[in-house]
mmCIF file of all heavy atoms, coordinates in Angstrom:
data_MODEL
# 
_entry.id   MODEL 
# 
loop_
_atom_site.group_PDB 
_atom_site.id 
_atom_site.type_symbol 
_atom_site.label_atom_id 
_atom_site.label_alt_id 
_atom_site.label_comp_id 
_atom_site.label_asym_id 
_atom_site.label_entity_id 
_atom_site.label_seq_id 
_atom_site.pdbx_PDB_ins_code 
_atom_site.Cartn_x 
_atom_site.Cartn_y 
_atom_site.Cartn_z 
_atom_site.occupancy 
_atom_site.B_iso_or_equiv 
_atom_site.pdbx_formal_charge 
_atom_site.auth_seq_id 
_atom_site.auth_comp_id 
_atom_site.auth_asym_id 
_atom_site.auth_atom_id 
_atom_site.pdbx_PDB_model_num 
ATOM 1   N N   . VAL A 1 1  ? 102.790 86.718  107.958 1.00 0.00 ? 1  VAL A N   1 
ATOM 2   C CA  . VAL A 1 1  ? 102.366 88.110  108.132 1.00 0.00 ? 1  VAL A CA  1 
ATOM 3   C C   . VAL A 1 1  ? 103.571 89.033  108.271 1.00 0.00 ? 1  VAL A C   1 
ATOM 4   O O   . VAL A 1 1  ? 103.427 90.194  108.688 1.00 0.00 ? 1  VAL A O   1 
ATOM 5   C CB  . VAL A 1 1  ? 101.460 88.241  109.387 1.00 0.00 ? 1  VAL A CB  1 
ATOM 6   C CG1 . VAL A 1 1  ? 100.174 87.433  109.184 1.00 0.00 ? 1  VAL A CG1 1 
ATOM 7   C CG2 . VAL A 1 1  ? 102.195 87.781  110.640 1.00 0.00 ? 1  VAL A CG2 1 
ATOM 8   N N   . SER A 1 2  ? 104.745 88.559  107.916 1.00 0.00 ? 2  SER A N   1 
ATOM 9   C CA  . SER A 1 2  ? 105.962 89.369  108.084 1.00 0.00 ? 2  SER A CA  1 
ATOM 10  C C   . SER A 1 2  ? 105.899 90.648  107.287 1.00 0.00 ? 2  SER A C   1 
ATOM 11  O O   . SER A 1 2  ? 106.198 91.739  107.780 1.00 0.00 ? 2  SER A O   1 
ATOM 12  C CB  . SER A 1 2  ? 107.197 88.556  107.646 1.00 0.00 ? 2  SER A CB  1 
ATOM 13  O OG  . SER A 1 2  ? 107.309 87.359  108.399 1.00 0.00 ? 2  SER A OG  1 
ATOM 14  N N   . GLU A 1 3  ? 105.474 90.564  106.010 1.00 0.00 ? 3  GLU A N   1 
ATOM 15  C CA  . GLU A 1 3  ? 105.426 91.740  105.138 1.00 0.00 ? 3  GLU A CA  1 
ATOM 16  C C   . GLU A 1 3  ? 104.449 92.778  105.686 1.00 0.00 ? 3  GLU A C   1 
ATOM 17  O O   . GLU A 1 3  ? 104.760 93.979  105.763 1.00 0.00 ? 3  GLU A O   1 
ATOM 18  C CB  . GLU A 1 3  ? 105.017 91.324  103.723 1.00 0.00 ? 3  GLU A CB  1 
ATOM 19  C CG  . GLU A 1 3  ? 105.035 92.471  102.731 1.00 0.00 ? 3  GLU A CG  1 
ATOM 20  C CD  . GLU A 1 3  ? 104.720 92.021  101.332 1.00 0.00 ? 3  GLU A CD  1 
ATOM 21  O OE1 . GLU A 1 3  ? 104.607 90.806  101.105 1.00 0.00 ? 3  GLU A OE1 1 
ATOM 22  O OE2 . GLU A 1 3  ? 104.563 92.900  100.452 1.00 0.00 ? 3  GLU A OE2 1 
ATOM 23  N N   . GLU A 1 4  ? 103.261 92.337  106.081 1.00 0.00 ? 4  GLU A N   1 
ATOM 24  C CA  . GLU A 1 4  ? 102.295 93.268  106.646 1.00 0.00 ? 4  GLU A CA  1 
ATOM 25  C C   . GLU A 1 4  ? 102.791 93.871  107.973 1.00 0.00 ? 4  GLU A C   1 
ATOM 26  O O   . GLU A 1 4  ? 102.596 95.049  108.232 1.00 0.00 ? 4  GLU A O   1 
ATOM 27  C CB  . GLU A 1 4  ? 100.953 92.569  106.865 1.00 0.00 ? 4  GLU A CB  1 
ATOM 28  C CG  . GLU A 1 4  ? 99.870  93.505  107.356 1.00 0.00 ? 4  GLU A CG  1 
ATOM 29  C CD  . GLU A 1 4  ? 98.548  92.802  107.637 1.00 0.00 ? 4  GLU A CD  1 
ATOM 30  O OE1 . GLU A 1 4  ? 98.476  91.570  107.467 1.00 0.00 ? 4  GLU A OE1 1 
ATOM 31  O OE2 . GLU A 1 4  ? 97.585  93.493  108.048 1.00 0.00 ? 4  GLU A OE2 1 
ATOM 32  N N   . PHE A 1 5  ? 103.464 93.052  108.769 1.00 0.00 ? 5  PHE A N   1 
ATOM 33  C CA  . PHE A 1 5  ? 103.967 93.523  110.058 1.00 0.00 ? 5  PHE A CA  1 
ATOM 34  C C   . PHE A 1 5  ? 104.932 94.674  109.840 1.00 0.00 ? 5  PHE A C   1 
ATOM 35  O O   . PHE A 1 5  ? 104.811 95.762  110.470 1.00 0.00 ? 5  PHE A O   1 
ATOM 36  C CB  . PHE A 1 5  ? 104.658 92.373  110.803 1.00 0.00 ? 5  PHE A CB  1 
ATOM 37  C CG  . PHE A 1 5  ? 105.176 92.736  112.150 1.00 0.00 ? 5  PHE A CG  1 
ATOM 38  C CD1 . PHE A 1 5  ? 104.357 92.607  113.274 1.00 0.00 ? 5  PHE A CD1 1 
ATOM 39  C CD2 . PHE A 1 5  ? 106.459 93.248  112.314 1.00 0.00 ? 5  PHE A CD2 1 
ATOM 40  C CE1 . PHE A 1 5  ? 104.838 92.936  114.527 1.00 0.00 ? 5  PHE A CE1 1 
ATOM 41  C CE2 . PHE A 1 5  ? 106.932 93.571  113.574 1.00 0.00 ? 5  PHE A CE2 1 
ATOM 42  C CZ  . PHE A 1 5  ? 106.125 93.430  114.684 1.00 0.00 ? 5  PHE A CZ  1 
ATOM 43  N N   . TYR A 1 6  ? 105.904 94.507  108.952 1.00 0.00 ? 6  TYR A N   1 
ATOM 44  C CA  . TYR A 1 6  ? 106.883 95.568  108.728 1.00 0.00 ? 6  TYR A CA  1 
ATOM 45  C C   . TYR A 1 6  ? 106.262 96.782  108.045 1.00 0.00 ? 6  TYR A C   1 
ATOM 46  O O   . TYR A 1 6  ? 106.662 97.923  108.304 1.00 0.00 ? 6  TYR A O   1 
ATOM 47  C CB  . TYR A 1 6  ? 108.045 95.030  107.902 1.00 0.00 ? 6  TYR A CB  1 
ATOM 48  C CG  . TYR A 1 6  ? 108.878 94.014  108.639 1.00 0.00 ? 6  TYR A CG  1 
ATOM 49  C CD1 . TYR A 1 6  ? 109.047 92.722  108.138 1.00 0.00 ? 6  TYR A CD1 1 
ATOM 50  C CD2 . TYR A 1 6  ? 109.473 94.328  109.854 1.00 0.00 ? 6  TYR A CD2 1 
ATOM 51  C CE1 . TYR A 1 6  ? 109.807 91.785  108.837 1.00 0.00 ? 6  TYR A CE1 1 
ATOM 52  C CE2 . TYR A 1 6  ? 110.251 93.388  110.551 1.00 0.00 ? 6  TYR A CE2 1 
ATOM 53  C CZ  . TYR A 1 6  ? 110.391 92.111  110.033 1.00 0.00 ? 6  TYR A CZ  1 
ATOM 54  O OH  . TYR A 1 6  ? 111.122 91.198  110.735 1.00 0.00 ? 6  TYR A OH  1 
ATOM 55  N N   . ASP A 1 7  ? 105.258 96.563  107.209 1.00 0.00 ? 7  ASP A N   1 
ATOM 56  C CA  . ASP A 1 7  ? 104.577 97.676  106.539 1.00 0.00 ? 7  ASP A CA  1 
ATOM 57  C C   . ASP A 1 7  ? 103.821 98.521  107.572 1.00 0.00 ? 7  ASP A C   1 
ATOM 58  O O   . ASP A 1 7  ? 103.891 99.747  107.547 1.00 0.00 ? 7  ASP A O   1 
ATOM 59  C CB  . ASP A 1 7  ? 103.635 97.132  105.482 1.00 0.00 ? 7  ASP A CB  1 
ATOM 60  C CG  . ASP A 1 7  ? 102.853 98.260  104.794 1.00 0.00 ? 7  ASP A CG  1 
ATOM 61  O OD1 . ASP A 1 7  ? 103.479 99.075  104.103 1.00 0.00 ? 7  ASP A OD1 1 
ATOM 62  O OD2 . ASP A 1 7  ? 101.615 98.325  104.963 1.00 0.00 ? 7  ASP A OD2 1 
ATOM 63  N N   . VAL A 1 8  ? 103.079 97.862  108.441 1.00 0.00 ? 8  VAL A N   1 
ATOM 64  C CA  . VAL A 1 8  ? 102.327 98.599  109.480 1.00 0.00 ? 8  VAL A CA  1 
ATOM 65  C C   . VAL A 1 8  ? 103.277 99.306  110.409 1.00 0.00 ? 8  VAL A C   1 
ATOM 66  O O   . VAL A 1 8  ? 103.036 100.447 110.823 1.00 0.00 ? 8  VAL A O   1 
ATOM 67  C CB  . VAL A 1 8  ? 101.412 97.611  110.258 1.00 0.00 ? 8  VAL A CB  1 
ATOM 68  C CG1 . VAL A 1 8  ? 100.807 98.296  111.466 1.00 0.00 ? 8  VAL A CG1 1 
ATOM 69  C CG2 . VAL A 1 8  ? 100.323 97.063  109.352 1.00 0.00 ? 8  VAL A CG2 1 
ATOM 70  N N   . GLU A 1 9  ? 104.383 98.664  110.746 1.00 0.00 ? 9  GLU A N   1 
ATOM 71  C CA  . GLU A 1 9  ? 105.350 99.280  111.656 1.00 0.00 ? 9  GLU A CA  1 
ATOM 72  C C   . GLU A 1 9  ? 105.944 100.528 111.038 1.00 0.00 ? 9  GLU A C   1 
ATOM 73  O O   . GLU A 1 9  ? 106.098 101.563 111.735 1.00 0.00 ? 9  GLU A O   1 
ATOM 74  C CB  . GLU A 1 9  ? 106.470 98.267  111.948 1.00 0.00 ? 9  GLU A CB  1 
ATOM 75  C CG  . GLU A 1 9  ? 107.372 98.667  113.100 1.00 0.00 ? 9  GLU A CG  1 
ATOM 76  C CD  . GLU A 1 9  ? 108.374 97.578  113.418 1.00 0.00 ? 9  GLU A CD  1 
ATOM 77  O OE1 . GLU A 1 9  ? 108.904 96.984  112.453 1.00 0.00 ? 9  GLU A OE1 1 
ATOM 78  O OE2 . GLU A 1 9  ? 108.625 97.331  114.603 1.00 0.00 ? 9  GLU A OE2 1 
ATOM 79  N N   . ALA A 1 10 ? 106.242 100.484 109.730 1.00 0.00 ? 10 ALA A N   1 
ATOM 80  C CA  . ALA A 1 10 ? 106.815 101.677 109.052 1.00 0.00 ? 10 ALA A CA  1 
ATOM 81  C C   . ALA A 1 10 ? 105.789 102.805 108.955 1.00 0.00 ? 10 ALA A C   1 
ATOM 82  O O   . ALA A 1 10 ? 106.102 103.988 109.176 1.00 0.00 ? 10 ALA A O   1 
ATOM 83  C CB  . ALA A 1 10 ? 107.307 101.270 107.671 1.00 0.00 ? 10 ALA A CB  1 
ATOM 84  N N   . ARG A 1 11 ? 104.539 102.450 108.626 1.00 0.00 ? 11 ARG A N   1 
ATOM 85  C CA  . ARG A 1 11 ? 103.485 103.477 108.533 1.00 0.00 ? 11 ARG A CA  1 
ATOM 86  C C   . ARG A 1 11 ? 103.231 104.114 109.896 1.00 0.00 ? 11 ARG A C   1 
ATOM 87  O O   . ARG A 1 11 ? 103.027 105.348 109.979 1.00 0.00 ? 11 ARG A O   1 
ATOM 88  C CB  . ARG A 1 11 ? 102.194 102.833 107.999 1.00 0.00 ? 11 ARG A CB  1 
ATOM 89  C CG  . ARG A 1 11 ? 102.258 102.492 106.514 1.00 0.00 ? 11 ARG A CG  1 
ATOM 90  C CD  . ARG A 1 11 ? 101.108 101.565 106.135 1.00 0.00 ? 11 ARG A CD  1 
ATOM 91  N NE  . ARG A 1 11 ? 99.828  102.137 106.480 1.00 0.00 ? 11 ARG A NE  1 
ATOM 92  C CZ  . ARG A 1 11 ? 98.707  101.436 106.523 1.00 0.00 ? 11 ARG A CZ  1 
ATOM 93  N NH1 . ARG A 1 11 ? 98.729  100.124 106.269 1.00 0.00 ? 11 ARG A NH1 1 
ATOM 94  N NH2 . ARG A 1 11 ? 97.561  102.012 106.847 1.00 0.00 ? 11 ARG A NH2 1 
ATOM 95  N N   . MET A 1 12 ? 103.250 103.335 110.942 1.00 0.00 ? 12 MET A N   1 
ATOM 96  C CA  . MET A 1 12 ? 103.033 103.886 112.273 1.00 0.00 ? 12 MET A CA  1 
ATOM 97  C C   . MET A 1 12 ? 104.191 104.821 112.657 1.00 0.00 ? 12 MET A C   1 
ATOM 98  O O   . MET A 1 12 ? 103.963 105.890 113.257 1.00 0.00 ? 12 MET A O   1 
ATOM 99  C CB  . MET A 1 12 ? 102.897 102.767 113.310 1.00 0.00 ? 12 MET A CB  1 
ATOM 100 C CG  . MET A 1 12 ? 102.536 103.230 114.707 1.00 0.00 ? 12 MET A CG  1 
ATOM 101 S SD  . MET A 1 12 ? 102.343 101.863 115.888 1.00 0.00 ? 12 MET A SD  1 
ATOM 102 C CE  . MET A 1 12 ? 104.040 101.256 115.954 1.00 0.00 ? 12 MET A CE  1 
ATOM 103 N N   . ARG A 1 13 ? 105.392 104.471 112.299 1.00 0.00 ? 13 ARG A N   1 
ATOM 104 C CA  . ARG A 1 13 ? 106.532 105.324 112.601 1.00 0.00 ? 13 ARG A CA  1 
ATOM 105 C C   . ARG A 1 13 ? 106.418 106.677 111.879 1.00 0.00 ? 13 ARG A C   1 
ATOM 106 O O   . ARG A 1 13 ? 106.683 107.729 112.454 1.00 0.00 ? 13 ARG A O   1 
ATOM 107 C CB  . ARG A 1 13 ? 107.817 104.603 112.217 1.00 0.00 ? 13 ARG A CB  1 
ATOM 108 C CG  . ARG A 1 13 ? 109.106 105.333 112.611 1.00 0.00 ? 13 ARG A CG  1 
ATOM 109 C CD  . ARG A 1 13 ? 110.303 104.448 112.500 1.00 0.00 ? 13 ARG A CD  1 
ATOM 110 N NE  . ARG A 1 13 ? 110.417 103.834 111.188 1.00 0.00 ? 13 ARG A NE  1 
ATOM 111 C CZ  . ARG A 1 13 ? 110.238 102.517 110.953 1.00 0.00 ? 13 ARG A CZ  1 
ATOM 112 N NH1 . ARG A 1 13 ? 109.921 101.720 111.967 1.00 0.00 ? 13 ARG A NH1 1 
ATOM 113 N NH2 . ARG A 1 13 ? 110.375 102.028 109.748 1.00 0.00 ? 13 ARG A NH2 1 
ATOM 114 N N   . ASN A 1 14 ? 105.992 106.624 110.612 1.00 0.00 ? 14 ASN A N   1 
ATOM 115 C CA  . ASN A 1 14 ? 105.841 107.850 109.847 1.00 0.00 ? 14 ASN A CA  1 
ATOM 116 C C   . ASN A 1 14 ? 104.718 108.720 110.408 1.00 0.00 ? 14 ASN A C   1 
ATOM 117 O O   . ASN A 1 14 ? 104.828 109.968 110.458 1.00 0.00 ? 14 ASN A O   1 
ATOM 118 C CB  . ASN A 1 14 ? 105.549 107.531 108.367 1.00 0.00 ? 14 ASN A CB  1 
ATOM 119 C CG  . ASN A 1 14 ? 106.743 106.893 107.689 1.00 0.00 ? 14 ASN A CG  1 
ATOM 120 O OD1 . ASN A 1 14 ? 107.877 107.097 108.092 1.00 0.00 ? 14 ASN A OD1 1 
ATOM 121 N ND2 . ASN A 1 14 ? 106.477 106.100 106.639 1.00 0.00 ? 14 ASN A ND2 1 
ATOM 122 N N   . LYS A 1 15 ? 103.631 108.088 110.824 1.00 0.00 ? 15 LYS A N   1 
ATOM 123 C CA  . LYS A 1 15 ? 102.503 108.862 111.386 1.00 0.00 ? 15 LYS A CA  1 
ATOM 124 C C   . LYS A 1 15 ? 102.899 109.529 112.708 1.00 0.00 ? 15 LYS A C   1 
ATOM 125 O O   . LYS A 1 15 ? 102.460 110.626 113.009 1.00 0.00 ? 15 LYS A O   1 
ATOM 126 C CB  . LYS A 1 15 ? 101.297 107.940 111.582 1.00 0.00 ? 15 LYS A CB  1 
ATOM 127 C CG  . LYS A 1 15 ? 100.580 107.532 110.291 1.00 0.00 ? 15 LYS A CG  1 
ATOM 128 C CD  . LYS A 1 15 ? 99.999  108.749 109.574 1.00 0.00 ? 15 LYS A CD  1 
ATOM 129 C CE  . LYS A 1 15 ? 99.299  108.368 108.307 1.00 0.00 ? 15 LYS A CE  1 
ATOM 130 N NZ  . LYS A 1 15 ? 98.731  109.566 107.625 1.00 0.00 ? 15 LYS A NZ  1 
ATOM 131 N N   . LYS A 1 16 ? 103.696 108.836 113.485 1.00 0.00 ? 16 LYS A N   1 
ATOM 132 C CA  . LYS A 1 16 ? 104.140 109.430 114.753 1.00 0.00 ? 16 LYS A CA  1 
ATOM 133 C C   . LYS A 1 16 ? 105.053 110.618 114.507 1.00 0.00 ? 16 LYS A C   1 
ATOM 134 O O   . LYS A 1 16 ? 105.005 111.628 115.221 1.00 0.00 ? 16 LYS A O   1 
ATOM 135 C CB  . LYS A 1 16 ? 104.866 108.365 115.598 1.00 0.00 ? 16 LYS A CB  1 
ATOM 136 C CG  . LYS A 1 16 ? 103.904 107.362 116.246 1.00 0.00 ? 16 LYS A CG  1 
ATOM 137 C CD  . LYS A 1 16 ? 104.678 106.434 117.203 1.00 0.00 ? 16 LYS A CD  1 
ATOM 138 C CE  . LYS A 1 16 ? 103.708 105.510 117.936 1.00 0.00 ? 16 LYS A CE  1 
ATOM 139 N NZ  . LYS A 1 16 ? 104.413 104.608 118.887 1.00 0.00 ? 16 LYS A NZ  1 
ATOM 140 N N   . GLN A 1 17 ? 105.888 110.527 113.476 1.00 0.00 ? 17 GLN A N   1 
ATOM 141 C CA  . GLN A 1 17 ? 106.722 111.663 113.112 1.00 0.00 ? 17 GLN A CA  1 
ATOM 142 C C   . GLN A 1 17 ? 105.864 112.835 112.637 1.00 0.00 ? 17 GLN A C   1 
ATOM 143 O O   . GLN A 1 17 ? 106.132 114.008 112.990 1.00 0.00 ? 17 GLN A O   1 
ATOM 144 C CB  . GLN A 1 17 ? 107.724 111.262 112.033 1.00 0.00 ? 17 GLN A CB  1 
ATOM 145 C CG  . GLN A 1 17 ? 108.786 110.285 112.492 1.00 0.00 ? 17 GLN A CG  1 
ATOM 146 C CD  . GLN A 1 17 ? 109.672 109.806 111.373 1.00 0.00 ? 17 GLN A CD  1 
ATOM 147 O OE1 . GLN A 1 17 ? 109.479 110.167 110.207 1.00 0.00 ? 17 GLN A OE1 1 
ATOM 148 N NE2 . GLN A 1 17 ? 110.682 108.992 111.717 1.00 0.00 ? 17 GLN A NE2 1 
ATOM 149 N N   . GLU A 1 18 ? 104.823 112.529 111.862 1.00 0.00 ? 18 GLU A N   1 
ATOM 150 C CA  . GLU A 1 18 ? 103.907 113.598 111.423 1.00 0.00 ? 18 GLU A CA  1 
ATOM 151 C C   . GLU A 1 18 ? 103.213 114.216 112.605 1.00 0.00 ? 18 GLU A C   1 
ATOM 152 O O   . GLU A 1 18 ? 103.012 115.446 112.676 1.00 0.00 ? 18 GLU A O   1 
ATOM 153 C CB  . GLU A 1 18 ? 102.888 113.021 110.436 1.00 0.00 ? 18 GLU A CB  1 
ATOM 154 C CG  . GLU A 1 18 ? 101.924 114.041 109.859 1.00 0.00 ? 18 GLU A CG  1 
ATOM 155 C CD  . GLU A 1 18 ? 100.932 113.445 108.885 1.00 0.00 ? 18 GLU A CD  1 
ATOM 156 O OE1 . GLU A 1 18 ? 101.030 112.207 108.623 1.00 0.00 ? 18 GLU A OE1 1 
ATOM 157 O OE2 . GLU A 1 18 ? 100.052 114.184 108.417 1.00 0.00 ? 18 GLU A OE2 1 
ATOM 158 N N   . GLU A 1 19 ? 102.819 113.409 113.571 1.00 0.00 ? 19 GLU A N   1 
ATOM 159 C CA  . GLU A 1 19 ? 102.175 113.926 114.746 1.00 0.00 ? 19 GLU A CA  1 
ATOM 160 C C   . GLU A 1 19 ? 103.110 114.837 115.545 1.00 0.00 ? 19 GLU A C   1 
ATOM 161 O O   . GLU A 1 19 ? 102.705 115.902 116.056 1.00 0.00 ? 19 GLU A O   1 
ATOM 162 C CB  . GLU A 1 19 ? 101.712 112.757 115.634 1.00 0.00 ? 19 GLU A CB  1 
ATOM 163 C CG  . GLU A 1 19 ? 100.958 113.192 116.893 1.00 0.00 ? 19 GLU A CG  1 
ATOM 164 C CD  . GLU A 1 19 ? 100.583 112.006 117.780 1.00 0.00 ? 19 GLU A CD  1 
ATOM 165 O OE1 . GLU A 1 19 ? 101.285 110.950 117.692 1.00 0.00 ? 19 GLU A OE1 1 
ATOM 166 O OE2 . GLU A 1 19 ? 99.630  112.118 118.558 1.00 0.00 ? 19 GLU A OE2 1 
ATOM 167 N N   . SER A 1 20 ? 104.378 114.460 115.643 1.00 0.00 ? 20 SER A N   1 
ATOM 168 C CA  . SER A 1 20 ? 105.364 115.281 116.360 1.00 0.00 ? 20 SER A CA  1 
ATOM 169 C C   . SER A 1 20 ? 105.538 116.636 115.685 1.00 0.00 ? 20 SER A C   1 
ATOM 170 O O   . SER A 1 20 ? 105.596 117.690 116.345 1.00 0.00 ? 20 SER A O   1 
ATOM 171 C CB  . SER A 1 20 ? 106.697 114.542 116.433 1.00 0.00 ? 20 SER A CB  1 
ATOM 172 O OG  . SER A 1 20 ? 106.568 113.351 117.170 1.00 0.00 ? 20 SER A OG  1 
ATOM 173 N N   . ARG A 1 21 ? 105.544 116.664 114.347 1.00 0.00 ? 21 ARG A N   1 
ATOM 174 C CA  . ARG A 1 21 ? 105.704 117.920 113.633 1.00 0.00 ? 21 ARG A CA  1 
ATOM 175 C C   . ARG A 1 21 ? 104.468 118.812 113.860 1.00 0.00 ? 21 ARG A C   1 
ATOM 176 O O   . ARG A 1 21 ? 104.587 120.035 114.016 1.00 0.00 ? 21 ARG A O   1 
ATOM 177 C CB  . ARG A 1 21 ? 105.908 117.641 112.138 1.00 0.00 ? 21 ARG A CB  1 
ATOM 178 C CG  . ARG A 1 21 ? 107.264 117.050 111.794 1.00 0.00 ? 21 ARG A CG  1 
ATOM 179 C CD  . ARG A 1 21 ? 107.540 117.129 110.307 1.00 0.00 ? 21 ARG A CD  1 
ATOM 180 N NE  . ARG A 1 21 ? 106.575 116.374 109.536 1.00 0.00 ? 21 ARG A NE  1 
ATOM 181 C CZ  . ARG A 1 21 ? 106.715 115.084 109.192 1.00 0.00 ? 21 ARG A CZ  1 
ATOM 182 N NH1 . ARG A 1 21 ? 107.819 114.440 109.575 1.00 0.00 ? 21 ARG A NH1 1 
ATOM 183 N NH2 . ARG A 1 21 ? 105.810 114.480 108.475 1.00 0.00 ? 21 ARG A NH2 1 
ATOM 184 N N   . LEU A 1 22 ? 103.285 118.200 113.842 1.00 0.00 ? 22 LEU A N   1 
ATOM 185 C CA  . LEU A 1 22 ? 102.072 118.967 114.062 1.00 0.00 ? 22 LEU A CA  1 
ATOM 186 C C   . LEU A 1 22 ? 102.037 119.554 115.480 1.00 0.00 ? 22 LEU A C   1 
ATOM 187 O O   . LEU A 1 22 ? 101.610 120.667 115.688 1.00 0.00 ? 22 LEU A O   1 
ATOM 188 C CB  . LEU A 1 22 ? 100.819 118.117 113.796 1.00 0.00 ? 22 LEU A CB  1 
ATOM 189 C CG  . LEU A 1 22 ? 100.572 117.741 112.329 1.00 0.00 ? 22 LEU A CG  1 
ATOM 190 C CD1 . LEU A 1 22 ? 99.468  116.708 112.231 1.00 0.00 ? 22 LEU A CD1 1 
ATOM 191 C CD2 . LEU A 1 22 ? 100.198 119.001 111.531 1.00 0.00 ? 22 LEU A CD2 1 
ATOM 192 N N   . LEU A 1 23 ? 102.485 118.750 116.463 1.00 0.00 ? 23 LEU A N   1 
ATOM 193 C CA  . LEU A 1 23 ? 102.521 119.250 117.835 1.00 0.00 ? 23 LEU A CA  1 
ATOM 194 C C   . LEU A 1 23 ? 103.505 120.415 117.972 1.00 0.00 ? 23 LEU A C   1 
ATOM 195 O O   . LEU A 1 23 ? 103.223 121.398 118.672 1.00 0.00 ? 23 LEU A O   1 
ATOM 196 C CB  . LEU A 1 23 ? 102.898 118.101 118.786 1.00 0.00 ? 23 LEU A CB  1 
ATOM 197 C CG  . LEU A 1 23 ? 101.838 117.011 118.987 1.00 0.00 ? 23 LEU A CG  1 
ATOM 198 C CD1 . LEU A 1 23 ? 102.398 115.856 119.790 1.00 0.00 ? 23 LEU A CD1 1 
ATOM 199 C CD2 . LEU A 1 23 ? 100.590 117.581 119.660 1.00 0.00 ? 23 LEU A CD2 1 
ATOM 200 N N   . LYS A 1 24 ? 104.636 120.306 117.287 1.00 0.00 ? 24 LYS A N   1 
ATOM 201 C CA  . LYS A 1 24 ? 105.620 121.392 117.298 1.00 0.00 ? 24 LYS A CA  1 
ATOM 202 C C   . LYS A 1 24 ? 105.037 122.650 116.636 1.00 0.00 ? 24 LYS A C   1 
ATOM 203 O O   . LYS A 1 24 ? 105.232 123.779 117.126 1.00 0.00 ? 24 LYS A O   1 
ATOM 204 C CB  . LYS A 1 24 ? 106.878 120.940 116.569 1.00 0.00 ? 24 LYS A CB  1 
ATOM 205 C CG  . LYS A 1 24 ? 108.023 121.951 116.605 1.00 0.00 ? 24 LYS A CG  1 
ATOM 206 C CD  . LYS A 1 24 ? 108.543 122.105 118.013 1.00 0.00 ? 24 LYS A CD  1 
ATOM 207 C CE  . LYS A 1 24 ? 109.862 122.883 118.018 1.00 0.00 ? 24 LYS A CE  1 
ATOM 208 N NZ  . LYS A 1 24 ? 109.772 124.224 117.451 1.00 0.00 ? 24 LYS A NZ  1 
# 
């Protein structure tokens, strides 16, 4: 599950950045 793990981790990081921009 290494590939899926890193993919989910990257998507979550991007979504958190999008959330921070929306909050700003």
